[in-house]
Amino acid sequence: MQTDHGREHHERDQPDSVTPFPIPARIPVFPLPNVVLFPKTYLPLHIFEPRYRAMVSDVATSGQCIGMALLKDGWETDYYGHPPVFSMGCVGRLASVKPLADGRSNILLQGLERFEIEREWYDNPYREATISVAVRGTEALLDPTIRRRLFTILETYLRSRDDVPTWQELFREEVSDEIVVNTLSTYLECTPLEKQFLLEAESLHQQARRLSDLIEFMMHDQSGAKGWG
């Protein structure tokens, strides 16, 4: 697909702007079967389909926002039409565009806020939607006990895989709870449906608890967590 999902961006915890980036009420929607974008994370994508080339061109000159949405099961039968997607996704700001040959491009999206689809539009080659932004409010800090449990479980899991050094920077105290939780939700090796389950959590606390439970599940299933969703 159009994803070039690398871990190189998981430490890009740049400070937020004082004024939130304006999100239009109607945005293009980029549905994929294997990608879930989270707020305050970065997503590199390779764009090659004609309809999504047009989408990037339009977004670059107006709005700067793309809604990432996960395709529901059965999308293969209507991929080039309008297969159903989950109603909750995440708005990505077009942070950079690198044009390539033949109209292709590499783009980088910055996750802004979650959104709910209210109505879909098919006036353009690509899907658009009228959305409502699903802001969780001012909550940005985890209860210390929830953070400690998450980190304890995560460290145990990483040690079992000899992968602690890869994630060491994430354990720094100055890394915000929201970035920790969304980064882990993005890069841990769980299924797209499990990532969608994390995205749909009603609060950061709930997302962290779901994440802890998922990591525990992964530790008890060497073949990966496949029982959620």
Protein backbone atom coordinates (compact mmCIF):
# COMPACT_ATOMS: atom_id res chain seq x y z
CA MET A 1 0.00 0.00 0.00
CA GLN A 2 0.97 3.65 0.33
CA THR A 3 2.65 3.32 3.69
CA ASP A 4 6.35 3.53 4.45
CA HIS A 5 5.95 3.09 8.18
CA GLY A 6 9.33 3.54 9.87
CA ARG A 7 10.31 3.94 13.50
CA GLU A 8 12.68 6.84 12.78
CA HIS A 9 10.01 9.41 13.66
CA HIS A 10 8.95 8.08 17.06
CA GLU A 11 11.11 10.55 18.95
CA ARG A 12 9.92 13.64 17.14
CA ASP A 13 8.23 15.13 20.18
CA GLN A 14 8.40 18.73 19.08
CA PRO A 15 6.67 21.23 21.37
CA ASP A 16 3.08 22.07 20.52
CA SER A 17 2.15 25.41 19.08
CA VAL A 18 0.27 27.73 21.42
CA THR A 19 -2.48 28.02 18.81
CA PRO A 20 -3.81 24.65 17.57
CA PHE A 21 -3.53 24.04 13.84
CA PRO A 22 -6.92 24.83 12.23
CA ILE A 23 -8.72 21.68 11.09
CA PRO A 24 -11.31 22.18 8.31
CA ALA A 25 -14.81 20.78 8.80
CA ARG A 26 -14.51 18.86 5.52
CA ILE A 27 -11.28 17.02 4.73
CA PRO A 28 -9.98 14.36 2.35
CA VAL A 29 -9.96 10.87 3.84
CA PHE A 30 -7.14 8.45 3.07
CA PRO A 31 -8.33 4.92 3.93
CA LEU A 32 -5.78 2.15 4.39
CA PRO A 33 -6.13 -1.42 5.66
CA ASN A 34 -3.00 -1.49 7.83
CA VAL A 35 -2.34 2.01 9.19
CA VAL A 36 -3.77 3.85 12.21
CA LEU A 37 -2.48 7.37 12.86
CA PHE A 38 -2.34 8.75 16.42
CA PRO A 39 -2.13 12.35 17.64
CA LYS A 40 1.37 13.71 18.25
CA THR A 41 3.01 11.05 16.08
CA TYR A 42 4.44 11.21 12.56
CA LEU A 43 3.55 9.01 9.60
CA PRO A 44 5.61 8.77 6.37
CA LEU A 45 3.65 7.67 3.31
CA HIS A 46 4.52 6.94 -0.31
CA ILE A 47 1.84 8.25 -2.66
CA PHE A 48 1.48 6.65 -6.09
CA GLU A 49 -2.20 6.06 -6.95
CA PRO A 50 -3.61 8.79 -9.25
CA ARG A 51 -6.52 9.62 -6.94
CA TYR A 52 -4.19 10.14 -3.99
CA ARG A 53 -1.73 12.13 -6.08
CA ALA A 54 -4.66 14.48 -6.75
CA MET A 55 -5.51 14.48 -3.05
CA VAL A 56 -2.01 15.51 -2.00
CA SER A 57 -1.90 18.21 -4.67
CA ASP A 58 -5.20 19.65 -3.46
CA VAL A 59 -4.30 19.42 0.22
CA ALA A 60 -0.95 21.12 -0.35
CA THR A 61 -2.74 24.23 -1.62
CA SER A 62 -5.76 24.17 0.69
CA GLY A 63 -6.33 23.01 4.24
CA GLN A 64 -3.14 21.00 4.73
CA CYS A 65 -5.14 18.24 6.47
CA ILE A 66 -5.77 14.59 5.58
CA GLY A 67 -7.92 12.23 7.61
CA MET A 68 -6.40 8.78 8.05
CA ALA A 69 -9.06 6.07 8.48
CA LEU A 70 -8.81 2.30 8.82
CA LEU A 71 -10.63 0.17 6.25
CA LYS A 72 -13.03 -2.43 7.60
CA ASP A 73 -12.76 -6.13 6.78
CA GLY A 74 -13.80 -7.01 3.24
CA TRP A 75 -12.27 -3.88 1.70
CA GLU A 76 -10.51 -5.95 -0.97
CA THR A 77 -13.70 -6.42 -2.98
CA ASP A 78 -14.18 -2.67 -3.46
CA TYR A 79 -10.77 -1.10 -2.87
CA TYR A 80 -11.00 1.18 -5.91
CA GLY A 81 -14.53 2.21 -4.98
CA HIS A 82 -15.67 3.34 -1.55
CA PRO A 83 -15.25 0.44 0.89
CA PRO A 84 -16.46 1.11 4.46
CA VAL A 85 -14.09 2.59 7.02
CA PHE A 86 -14.18 2.95 10.79
CA SER A 87 -15.92 6.18 11.74
CA MET A 88 -13.08 7.35 14.01
CA GLY A 89 -9.73 8.32 12.56
CA CYS A 90 -6.99 10.87 13.10
CA VAL A 91 -6.35 14.12 11.25
CA GLY A 92 -2.84 14.46 9.87
CA ARG A 93 -1.25 17.80 8.95
CA LEU A 94 0.79 17.69 5.76
CA ALA A 95 4.19 18.43 7.31
CA SER A 96 6.26 17.84 4.16
CA VAL A 97 5.96 16.72 0.54
CA LYS A 98 8.84 15.37 -1.52
CA PRO A 99 7.85 15.11 -5.22
CA LEU A 100 9.21 12.11 -7.11
CA ALA A 101 9.17 10.98 -10.74
CA ASP A 102 5.91 10.42 -12.60
CA GLY A 103 3.82 12.38 -10.12
CA ARG A 104 4.55 10.13 -7.15
CA SER A 105 5.59 11.68 -3.83
CA ASN A 106 6.74 10.93 -0.29
CA ILE A 107 4.81 12.82 2.35
CA LEU A 108 5.02 13.16 6.12
CA LEU A 109 1.88 13.60 8.21
CA GLN A 110 1.82 14.99 11.74
CA GLY A 111 -1.02 13.56 13.82
CA LEU A 112 -3.22 16.34 15.21
CA GLU A 113 -6.55 15.19 16.68
CA ARG A 114 -8.95 12.29 16.46
CA PHE A 115 -12.10 12.79 14.40
CA GLU A 116 -15.51 11.23 13.81
CA ILE A 117 -16.94 10.97 10.29
CA GLU A 118 -20.37 12.58 10.05
CA ARG A 119 -20.92 12.41 6.29
CA GLU A 120 -18.90 11.17 3.32
CA TRP A 121 -18.56 12.93 -0.03
CA TYR A 122 -17.52 11.53 -3.42
CA ASP A 123 -17.32 14.66 -5.59
CA ASN A 124 -13.58 14.17 -6.20
CA PRO A 125 -11.56 11.12 -7.25
CA TYR A 126 -10.73 10.61 -3.57
CA ARG A 127 -13.09 10.31 -0.61
CA GLU A 128 -13.88 13.35 1.56
CA ALA A 129 -15.82 13.63 4.80
CA THR A 130 -17.50 16.18 6.98
CA ILE A 131 -16.01 15.54 10.40
CA SER A 132 -16.28 16.49 14.04
CA VAL A 133 -13.02 16.72 15.97
CA ALA A 134 -12.98 14.30 18.92
CA VAL A 135 -10.84 16.21 21.43
CA ARG A 136 -10.31 14.47 24.75
CA GLY A 137 -10.17 17.75 26.65
CA THR A 138 -7.32 19.05 28.77
CA GLU A 139 -6.27 15.65 30.11
CA ALA A 140 -2.59 15.20 29.29
CA LEU A 141 -1.17 13.51 32.39
CA LEU A 142 -1.53 9.93 33.51
CA ASP A 143 -2.04 8.92 37.10
CA PRO A 144 1.50 8.00 38.28
CA THR A 145 0.40 4.44 39.11
CA ILE A 146 -0.91 3.94 35.55
CA ARG A 147 2.33 5.25 34.04
CA ARG A 148 4.43 3.04 36.34
CA ARG A 149 2.39 -0.05 35.45
CA LEU A 150 2.70 0.70 31.74
CA PHE A 151 6.47 1.20 31.97
CA THR A 152 6.99 -1.89 34.14
CA ILE A 153 5.07 -4.10 31.72
CA LEU A 154 6.76 -2.50 28.72
CA GLU A 155 10.25 -3.01 30.15
CA THR A 156 9.51 -6.68 30.89
CA TYR A 157 8.23 -7.14 27.34
CA LEU A 158 11.23 -5.39 25.78
CA ARG A 159 13.72 -7.39 27.86
CA SER A 160 12.09 -10.58 26.65
CA ARG A 161 12.86 -9.42 23.12
CA ASP A 162 16.30 -7.88 23.85
CA ASP A 163 14.88 -4.63 22.52
CA VAL A 164 15.30 -2.22 25.44
CA PRO A 165 17.99 0.01 23.79
CA THR A 166 15.70 0.72 20.82
CA TRP A 167 13.10 2.28 23.10
CA GLN A 168 15.33 3.72 25.81
CA GLU A 169 14.68 7.36 24.89
CA LEU A 170 10.97 6.86 25.48
CA PHE A 171 11.60 6.22 29.18
CA ARG A 172 12.92 9.75 29.79
CA GLU A 173 10.83 11.59 32.39
CA GLU A 174 10.56 14.71 30.21
CA VAL A 175 8.72 12.80 27.46
CA SER A 176 5.04 13.62 27.97
CA ASP A 177 2.51 10.93 28.85
CA GLU A 178 0.52 11.63 25.69
CA ILE A 179 3.57 11.16 23.46
CA VAL A 180 4.58 7.99 25.33
CA VAL A 181 1.13 6.42 24.99
CA ASN A 182 0.60 7.40 21.34
CA THR A 183 4.12 6.42 20.31
CA LEU A 184 3.73 2.99 21.87
CA SER A 185 0.29 2.65 20.27
CA THR A 186 1.85 3.44 16.90
CA TYR A 187 4.97 1.31 16.88
CA LEU A 188 4.29 -1.78 18.98
CA GLU A 189 3.71 -4.85 16.84
CA CYS A 190 -0.03 -5.28 17.23
CA THR A 191 -2.75 -5.63 14.64
CA PRO A 192 -4.51 -2.71 12.91
CA LEU A 193 -7.75 -3.61 14.73
CA GLU A 194 -5.94 -3.45 18.06
CA LYS A 195 -4.51 -0.06 17.13
CA GLN A 196 -8.01 1.12 16.23
CA PHE A 197 -9.19 -0.10 19.64
CA LEU A 198 -6.47 2.04 21.25
CA LEU A 199 -7.37 5.08 19.13
CA GLU A 200 -11.02 4.84 20.16
CA ALA A 201 -10.25 4.94 23.89
CA GLU A 202 -12.30 7.67 25.56
CA SER A 203 -9.38 9.02 27.59
CA LEU A 204 -5.60 8.86 27.78
CA HIS A 205 -5.98 6.80 30.95
CA GLN A 206 -8.17 4.27 29.17
CA GLN A 207 -5.77 4.10 26.23
CA ALA A 208 -2.83 3.49 28.60
CA ARG A 209 -4.72 0.74 30.41
CA ARG A 210 -5.68 -0.91 27.13
CA LEU A 211 -2.05 -0.64 26.03
CA SER A 212 -0.81 -2.29 29.24
CA ASP A 213 -3.31 -5.12 28.80
CA LEU A 214 -2.27 -5.56 25.17
CA ILE A 215 1.43 -5.76 26.03
CA GLU A 216 0.67 -8.38 28.70
CA PHE A 217 -1.31 -10.33 26.12
CA MET A 218 1.59 -10.10 23.65
CA MET A 219 3.99 -11.45 26.27
CA HIS A 220 1.82 -14.56 26.61
CA ASP A 221 1.46 -15.15 22.89
CA GLN A 222 4.71 -15.50 21.00
CA SER A 223 2.90 -15.42 17.69
CA GLY A 224 1.59 -11.92 18.45
CA ALA A 225 -1.65 -10.56 19.86
CA LYS A 226 -4.45 -11.77 17.61
CA GLY A 227 -7.38 -12.05 19.94
CA TRP A 228 -8.54 -8.45 20.11
CA GLY A 229 -10.90 -6.48 17.90
